[in-house]
Amino acid sequence: MTAAPVPARTGHCQCRHITYRVLGDPIDPHLCSCPHDTRISGSPAVLWVGFGRDGLTWTGPGGEPAWYATWPTLRRGFCPRCGTHLVSVADDSDTVMVTGFSLADRSGTDPVGHSYRQEAAPWMTIALAQPSVNAEAWPAAH
């Protein structure tokens, strides 16, 4: 009996200097309105989609992104040319979070939660498939 193929998705920055491939099904797609994400993105929330960390491969001419530490154990990867933020990786996590809108195929990535909802812009209304969680309960991987 042949095993089912592992699903793969690709993604890239705005200028396509940094491209990547992730394997597996999306894990915990969610919005985040924490102060780091809103400042870095310039938007009221970021869509994060998790994948197994060992399934991430940098495939473009730029290789790995440039990295910025937002916490002592959390790094963000971004394109040094165009500035697009692509990933968030916690040192002790088996999951890598990619920015949802850097994915070429966003099927199955509708957000199921909203972390730091209390920090969200007061005019922002979002209907989620599941109730939001408080920041303390949210995975540290993003």
N, C-alpha and C. Protein backbone atom coordinates (compact mmCIF):
# COMPACT_ATOMS: atom_id res chain seq x y z
N MET A 1 0.84 -1.17 0.00
CA MET A 1 0.00 0.00 0.00
C MET A 1 0.89 1.24 0.00
N THR A 2 0.61 2.17 -0.88
CA THR A 2 1.40 3.38 -1.02
C THR A 2 0.86 4.47 -0.09
N ALA A 3 1.77 5.14 0.58
CA ALA A 3 1.37 6.23 1.47
C ALA A 3 0.89 7.41 0.64
N ALA A 4 -0.05 8.15 1.19
CA ALA A 4 -0.55 9.35 0.52
C ALA A 4 0.56 10.39 0.44
N PRO A 5 0.64 11.12 -0.66
CA PRO A 5 1.68 12.14 -0.76
C PRO A 5 1.47 13.25 0.27
N VAL A 6 2.57 13.78 0.75
CA VAL A 6 2.51 14.88 1.72
C VAL A 6 2.22 16.16 0.94
N PRO A 7 1.18 16.90 1.32
CA PRO A 7 0.87 18.13 0.60
C PRO A 7 2.00 19.15 0.74
N ALA A 8 2.26 19.86 -0.34
CA ALA A 8 3.28 20.90 -0.34
C ALA A 8 2.66 22.21 -0.82
N ARG A 9 3.14 23.29 -0.26
CA ARG A 9 2.71 24.63 -0.68
C ARG A 9 3.95 25.49 -0.86
N THR A 10 3.80 26.51 -1.66
CA THR A 10 4.91 27.45 -1.85
C THR A 10 4.47 28.84 -1.43
N GLY A 11 5.45 29.69 -1.21
CA GLY A 11 5.18 31.07 -0.86
C GLY A 11 6.37 31.93 -1.21
N HIS A 12 6.17 33.23 -1.15
CA HIS A 12 7.26 34.14 -1.52
C HIS A 12 7.00 35.54 -1.00
N CYS A 13 8.06 36.32 -1.02
CA CYS A 13 7.95 37.74 -0.67
C CYS A 13 7.44 38.51 -1.89
N GLN A 14 7.25 39.80 -1.73
CA GLN A 14 6.72 40.63 -2.81
C GLN A 14 7.62 40.63 -4.04
N CYS A 15 8.94 40.68 -3.84
CA CYS A 15 9.86 40.75 -4.98
C CYS A 15 10.34 39.38 -5.45
N ARG A 16 9.92 38.32 -4.77
CA ARG A 16 10.26 36.93 -5.09
C ARG A 16 11.74 36.59 -4.90
N HIS A 17 12.47 37.41 -4.19
CA HIS A 17 13.87 37.11 -3.87
C HIS A 17 13.94 35.97 -2.85
N ILE A 18 12.99 35.96 -1.90
CA ILE A 18 12.90 34.90 -0.91
C ILE A 18 11.66 34.07 -1.22
N THR A 19 11.86 32.80 -1.50
CA THR A 19 10.74 31.89 -1.74
C THR A 19 10.92 30.67 -0.85
N TYR A 20 9.82 29.98 -0.61
CA TYR A 20 9.90 28.82 0.27
C TYR A 20 8.88 27.77 -0.13
N ARG A 21 9.09 26.58 0.43
CA ARG A 21 8.14 25.47 0.30
C ARG A 21 7.90 24.93 1.70
N VAL A 22 6.65 24.64 2.01
CA VAL A 22 6.29 24.00 3.28
C VAL A 22 5.53 22.72 2.97
N LEU A 23 5.73 21.73 3.83
CA LEU A 23 5.07 20.44 3.66
C LEU A 23 4.04 20.23 4.75
N GLY A 24 2.98 19.52 4.41
CA GLY A 24 1.98 19.17 5.41
C GLY A 24 0.74 20.03 5.33
N ASP A 25 -0.19 19.69 6.19
CA ASP A 25 -1.44 20.44 6.27
C ASP A 25 -1.26 21.64 7.19
N PRO A 26 -2.00 22.72 6.93
CA PRO A 26 -1.91 23.91 7.79
C PRO A 26 -2.26 23.58 9.24
N ILE A 27 -1.53 24.20 10.16
CA ILE A 27 -1.74 24.03 11.59
C ILE A 27 -2.17 25.38 12.17
N ASP A 28 -3.26 25.42 12.87
CA ASP A 28 -3.65 26.58 13.67
C ASP A 28 -3.62 27.92 12.93
N PRO A 29 -4.29 28.06 11.79
CA PRO A 29 -4.33 29.38 11.16
C PRO A 29 -5.07 30.36 12.07
N HIS A 30 -4.45 31.48 12.36
CA HIS A 30 -5.08 32.44 13.27
C HIS A 30 -4.60 33.86 12.98
N LEU A 31 -5.39 34.80 13.40
CA LEU A 31 -5.01 36.21 13.33
C LEU A 31 -4.32 36.58 14.63
N CYS A 32 -3.41 37.54 14.55
CA CYS A 32 -2.77 38.06 15.75
C CYS A 32 -2.72 39.58 15.68
N SER A 33 -3.11 40.21 16.76
CA SER A 33 -3.07 41.67 16.87
C SER A 33 -2.12 42.12 17.97
N CYS A 34 -1.10 41.31 18.26
CA CYS A 34 -0.13 41.71 19.29
C CYS A 34 0.63 42.94 18.81
N PRO A 35 1.19 43.72 19.73
CA PRO A 35 1.92 44.93 19.34
C PRO A 35 3.06 44.67 18.36
N HIS A 36 3.74 43.55 18.46
CA HIS A 36 4.83 43.25 17.51
C HIS A 36 4.28 43.09 16.11
N ASP A 37 3.24 42.28 15.96
CA ASP A 37 2.70 42.01 14.63
C ASP A 37 2.08 43.26 14.00
N THR A 38 1.37 44.04 14.79
CA THR A 38 0.74 45.23 14.20
C THR A 38 1.78 46.26 13.79
N ARG A 39 2.84 46.42 14.57
CA ARG A 39 3.90 47.35 14.20
C ARG A 39 4.68 46.87 12.99
N ILE A 40 5.07 45.59 13.01
CA ILE A 40 5.87 45.05 11.91
C ILE A 40 5.09 45.08 10.60
N SER A 41 3.81 44.74 10.65
CA SER A 41 3.02 44.65 9.42
C SER A 41 2.38 45.97 9.02
N GLY A 42 2.20 46.87 9.97
CA GLY A 42 1.49 48.10 9.66
C GLY A 42 0.01 47.87 9.44
N SER A 43 -0.51 46.76 9.96
CA SER A 43 -1.92 46.44 9.80
C SER A 43 -2.51 46.02 11.14
N PRO A 44 -3.84 45.95 11.25
CA PRO A 44 -4.45 45.62 12.54
C PRO A 44 -4.31 44.16 12.96
N ALA A 45 -3.90 43.29 12.04
CA ALA A 45 -3.71 41.88 12.39
C ALA A 45 -2.88 41.20 11.31
N VAL A 46 -2.23 40.12 11.69
CA VAL A 46 -1.48 39.28 10.75
C VAL A 46 -2.11 37.90 10.77
N LEU A 47 -2.26 37.30 9.60
CA LEU A 47 -2.71 35.91 9.50
C LEU A 47 -1.48 35.01 9.55
N TRP A 48 -1.39 34.19 10.60
CA TRP A 48 -0.30 33.22 10.75
C TRP A 48 -0.85 31.83 10.48
N VAL A 49 -0.07 31.03 9.75
CA VAL A 49 -0.44 29.66 9.44
C VAL A 49 0.76 28.77 9.77
N GLY A 50 0.54 27.77 10.60
CA GLY A 50 1.63 26.90 11.02
C GLY A 50 1.83 25.71 10.10
N PHE A 51 3.09 25.27 10.04
CA PHE A 51 3.49 24.06 9.35
C PHE A 51 4.62 23.44 10.15
N GLY A 52 4.87 22.15 9.96
CA GLY A 52 5.98 21.51 10.64
C GLY A 52 7.29 22.17 10.27
N ARG A 53 8.07 22.53 11.27
CA ARG A 53 9.33 23.25 11.04
C ARG A 53 10.28 22.48 10.12
N ASP A 54 10.32 21.17 10.26
CA ASP A 54 11.24 20.38 9.44
C ASP A 54 10.78 20.28 7.99
N GLY A 55 9.57 20.75 7.67
CA GLY A 55 9.07 20.74 6.30
C GLY A 55 9.28 22.04 5.56
N LEU A 56 9.98 23.01 6.17
CA LEU A 56 10.24 24.30 5.54
C LEU A 56 11.56 24.25 4.78
N THR A 57 11.53 24.65 3.51
CA THR A 57 12.74 24.73 2.69
C THR A 57 12.77 26.09 2.01
N TRP A 58 13.90 26.77 2.09
CA TRP A 58 14.07 28.04 1.38
C TRP A 58 14.51 27.71 -0.04
N THR A 59 13.78 28.18 -1.05
CA THR A 59 14.00 27.73 -2.42
C THR A 59 14.43 28.83 -3.38
N GLY A 60 14.40 30.07 -3.01
CA GLY A 60 14.63 31.15 -3.96
C GLY A 60 16.07 31.60 -4.06
N PRO A 61 16.34 32.54 -4.93
CA PRO A 61 17.70 33.03 -5.14
C PRO A 61 18.29 33.70 -3.90
N GLY A 62 17.44 34.21 -3.02
CA GLY A 62 17.92 34.89 -1.82
C GLY A 62 18.25 33.95 -0.68
N GLY A 63 17.94 32.66 -0.83
CA GLY A 63 18.20 31.72 0.26
C GLY A 63 17.29 32.01 1.44
N GLU A 64 17.86 31.94 2.65
CA GLU A 64 17.10 32.24 3.86
C GLU A 64 16.82 33.73 3.95
N PRO A 65 15.75 34.10 4.65
CA PRO A 65 15.49 35.52 4.86
C PRO A 65 16.46 36.12 5.87
N ALA A 66 16.42 37.42 6.01
CA ALA A 66 17.12 38.09 7.11
C ALA A 66 16.28 37.84 8.36
N TRP A 67 16.92 37.84 9.52
CA TRP A 67 16.22 37.51 10.76
C TRP A 67 16.27 38.66 11.75
N TYR A 68 15.19 38.79 12.50
CA TYR A 68 15.08 39.81 13.54
C TYR A 68 14.47 39.15 14.77
N ALA A 69 15.12 39.28 15.92
CA ALA A 69 14.61 38.68 17.16
C ALA A 69 13.64 39.64 17.83
N THR A 70 12.37 39.21 17.97
CA THR A 70 11.39 40.04 18.66
C THR A 70 11.27 39.66 20.13
N TRP A 71 11.77 38.51 20.49
CA TRP A 71 11.89 38.04 21.87
C TRP A 71 13.21 37.29 21.94
N PRO A 72 13.72 37.02 23.12
CA PRO A 72 14.98 36.27 23.19
C PRO A 72 14.92 34.90 22.51
N THR A 73 13.75 34.29 22.43
CA THR A 73 13.64 32.95 21.82
C THR A 73 12.74 32.93 20.59
N LEU A 74 12.42 34.09 20.01
CA LEU A 74 11.52 34.16 18.86
C LEU A 74 12.14 35.03 17.78
N ARG A 75 12.23 34.47 16.56
CA ARG A 75 12.81 35.21 15.44
C ARG A 75 11.78 35.36 14.33
N ARG A 76 11.88 36.50 13.62
CA ARG A 76 11.03 36.76 12.46
C ARG A 76 11.93 36.82 11.23
N GLY A 77 11.48 36.19 10.15
CA GLY A 77 12.23 36.21 8.90
C GLY A 77 11.56 37.14 7.90
N PHE A 78 12.38 37.97 7.25
CA PHE A 78 11.85 38.93 6.28
C PHE A 78 12.82 39.07 5.11
N CYS A 79 12.31 39.53 3.98
CA CYS A 79 13.15 39.73 2.81
C CYS A 79 14.00 40.99 2.99
N PRO A 80 15.32 40.88 2.83
CA PRO A 80 16.17 42.06 2.98
C PRO A 80 16.02 43.06 1.82
N ARG A 81 15.43 42.63 0.72
CA ARG A 81 15.24 43.53 -0.43
C ARG A 81 13.94 44.33 -0.34
N CYS A 82 12.82 43.62 -0.17
CA CYS A 82 11.52 44.32 -0.22
C CYS A 82 10.88 44.49 1.16
N GLY A 83 11.41 43.81 2.18
CA GLY A 83 10.90 43.98 3.54
C GLY A 83 9.73 43.10 3.92
N THR A 84 9.24 42.27 3.00
CA THR A 84 8.10 41.41 3.31
C THR A 84 8.42 40.48 4.47
N HIS A 85 7.55 40.44 5.46
CA HIS A 85 7.71 39.50 6.58
C HIS A 85 7.08 38.18 6.18
N LEU A 86 7.83 37.10 6.40
CA LEU A 86 7.42 35.79 5.91
C LEU A 86 7.18 34.75 6.98
N VAL A 87 8.01 34.71 8.02
CA VAL A 87 7.93 33.62 9.00
C VAL A 87 8.21 34.10 10.41
N SER A 88 7.76 33.30 11.35
CA SER A 88 8.06 33.48 12.76
C SER A 88 8.42 32.10 13.31
N VAL A 89 9.53 32.03 14.03
CA VAL A 89 10.02 30.75 14.53
C VAL A 89 10.43 30.90 15.99
N ALA A 90 9.86 30.09 16.85
CA ALA A 90 10.28 30.03 18.26
C ALA A 90 11.34 28.94 18.38
N ASP A 91 12.39 29.22 19.13
CA ASP A 91 13.50 28.28 19.27
C ASP A 91 13.06 26.89 19.71
N ASP A 92 12.09 26.81 20.60
CA ASP A 92 11.71 25.52 21.17
C ASP A 92 10.46 24.91 20.54
N SER A 93 10.08 25.37 19.36
CA SER A 93 8.85 24.88 18.72
C SER A 93 9.17 24.02 17.50
N ASP A 94 8.34 23.01 17.28
CA ASP A 94 8.45 22.18 16.08
C ASP A 94 7.63 22.76 14.93
N THR A 95 7.00 23.91 15.17
CA THR A 95 6.14 24.55 14.18
C THR A 95 6.76 25.86 13.73
N VAL A 96 6.67 26.12 12.44
CA VAL A 96 7.05 27.43 11.90
C VAL A 96 5.75 28.09 11.46
N MET A 97 5.61 29.36 11.77
CA MET A 97 4.42 30.10 11.36
C MET A 97 4.80 30.94 10.14
N VAL A 98 4.04 30.79 9.06
CA VAL A 98 4.27 31.62 7.88
C VAL A 98 3.13 32.63 7.78
N THR A 99 3.42 33.78 7.21
CA THR A 99 2.36 34.76 7.01
C THR A 99 1.42 34.21 5.94
N GLY A 100 0.16 34.17 6.28
CA GLY A 100 -0.82 33.52 5.42
C GLY A 100 -0.88 34.07 4.01
N PHE A 101 -0.69 35.37 3.86
CA PHE A 101 -0.82 35.96 2.54
C PHE A 101 0.48 35.91 1.74
N SER A 102 1.53 35.28 2.30
CA SER A 102 2.72 34.99 1.49
C SER A 102 2.57 33.64 0.78
N LEU A 103 1.56 32.86 1.16
CA LEU A 103 1.32 31.56 0.53
C LEU A 103 0.67 31.74 -0.85
N ALA A 104 1.09 30.94 -1.81
CA ALA A 104 0.47 30.97 -3.13
C ALA A 104 -0.92 30.34 -3.08
N ASP A 105 -1.09 29.33 -2.26
CA ASP A 105 -2.38 28.64 -2.11
C ASP A 105 -2.82 28.79 -0.65
N ARG A 106 -3.87 29.59 -0.43
CA ARG A 106 -4.34 29.83 0.93
C ARG A 106 -5.54 28.96 1.31
N SER A 107 -5.84 27.95 0.53
CA SER A 107 -6.98 27.09 0.87
C SER A 107 -6.73 26.42 2.21
N GLY A 108 -7.78 26.35 3.02
CA GLY A 108 -7.67 25.71 4.32
C GLY A 108 -6.98 26.56 5.38
N THR A 109 -6.82 27.85 5.10
CA THR A 109 -6.12 28.71 6.06
C THR A 109 -7.01 29.80 6.66
N ASP A 110 -8.32 29.63 6.56
CA ASP A 110 -9.21 30.60 7.20
C ASP A 110 -8.91 30.60 8.70
N PRO A 111 -8.80 31.77 9.31
CA PRO A 111 -8.43 31.81 10.73
C PRO A 111 -9.48 31.17 11.63
N VAL A 112 -9.00 30.41 12.60
CA VAL A 112 -9.88 29.77 13.57
C VAL A 112 -9.78 30.44 14.94
N GLY A 113 -8.96 31.44 15.05
CA GLY A 113 -8.81 32.17 16.31
C GLY A 113 -8.17 33.52 16.07
N HIS A 114 -8.17 34.33 17.12
CA HIS A 114 -7.59 35.68 17.04
C HIS A 114 -6.88 35.95 18.36
N SER A 115 -5.56 35.87 18.35
CA SER A 115 -4.82 36.15 19.58
C SER A 115 -4.64 37.65 19.75
N TYR A 116 -4.53 38.07 20.98
CA TYR A 116 -4.44 39.49 21.34
C TYR A 116 -5.64 40.27 20.79
N ARG A 117 -6.79 39.64 20.81
CA ARG A 117 -8.02 40.27 20.34
C ARG A 117 -8.28 41.59 21.07
N GLN A 118 -7.95 41.62 22.37
CA GLN A 118 -8.17 42.84 23.15
C GLN A 118 -7.29 44.00 22.67
N GLU A 119 -6.23 43.69 21.92
CA GLU A 119 -5.35 44.73 21.36
C GLU A 119 -5.78 45.17 19.97
N ALA A 120 -6.75 44.48 19.38
CA ALA A 120 -7.17 44.77 18.01
C ALA A 120 -7.80 46.16 17.92
N ALA A 121 -7.76 46.72 16.73
CA ALA A 121 -8.41 48.00 16.50
C ALA A 121 -9.89 47.88 16.86
N PRO A 122 -10.44 48.86 17.58
CA PRO A 122 -11.83 48.74 18.04
C PRO A 122 -12.84 48.66 16.90
N TRP A 123 -12.48 49.14 15.73
CA TRP A 123 -13.40 49.11 14.59
C TRP A 123 -13.33 47.81 13.81
N MET A 124 -12.44 46.91 14.21
CA MET A 124 -12.23 45.66 13.47
C MET A 124 -13.23 44.60 13.91
N THR A 125 -14.04 44.12 12.97
CA THR A 125 -15.01 43.07 13.25
C THR A 125 -14.64 41.85 12.43
N ILE A 126 -14.46 40.71 13.11
CA ILE A 126 -14.07 39.49 12.42
C ILE A 126 -14.96 38.35 12.90
N ALA A 127 -15.51 37.61 11.97
CA ALA A 127 -16.28 36.41 12.30
C ALA A 127 -15.36 35.21 12.17
N LEU A 128 -15.21 34.46 13.24
CA LEU A 128 -14.33 33.30 13.25
C LEU A 128 -15.14 32.02 13.38
N ALA A 129 -14.57 30.94 12.89
CA ALA A 129 -15.23 29.64 12.99
C ALA A 129 -15.24 29.13 14.43
N GLN A 130 -14.26 29.57 15.22
CA GLN A 130 -14.16 29.15 16.62
C GLN A 130 -13.95 30.39 17.47
N PRO A 131 -14.24 30.31 18.76
CA PRO A 131 -14.04 31.47 19.62
C PRO A 131 -12.57 31.83 19.75
N SER A 132 -12.30 33.10 19.98
CA SER A 132 -10.94 33.57 20.17
C SER A 132 -10.40 33.08 21.51
N VAL A 133 -9.09 33.04 21.61
CA VAL A 133 -8.46 32.64 22.86
C VAL A 133 -7.70 33.83 23.43
N ASN A 134 -7.44 33.77 24.73
CA ASN A 134 -6.67 34.87 25.30
C ASN A 134 -5.19 34.66 25.02
N ALA A 135 -4.41 35.70 25.15
CA ALA A 135 -2.99 35.67 24.79
C ALA A 135 -2.22 34.63 25.57
N GLU A 136 -2.55 34.42 26.83
CA GLU A 136 -1.80 33.49 27.66
C GLU A 136 -1.93 32.05 27.16
N ALA A 137 -3.03 31.74 26.51
CA ALA A 137 -3.26 30.37 26.07
C ALA A 137 -2.74 30.12 24.66
N TRP A 138 -2.31 31.16 23.97
CA TRP A 138 -1.92 31.01 22.57
C TRP A 138 -0.54 30.38 22.46
N PRO A 139 -0.32 29.54 21.43
CA PRO A 139 0.99 28.91 21.26
C PRO A 139 2.10 29.94 21.08
N ALA A 140 3.25 29.65 21.61
CA ALA A 140 4.39 30.56 21.53
C ALA A 140 5.06 30.53 20.17
N ALA A 141 4.62 29.68 19.27
CA ALA A 141 5.31 29.52 17.99
C ALA A 141 5.17 30.71 17.07
N HIS A 142 4.21 31.56 17.30
CA HIS A 142 4.05 32.66 16.35
C HIS A 142 4.82 33.84 16.87
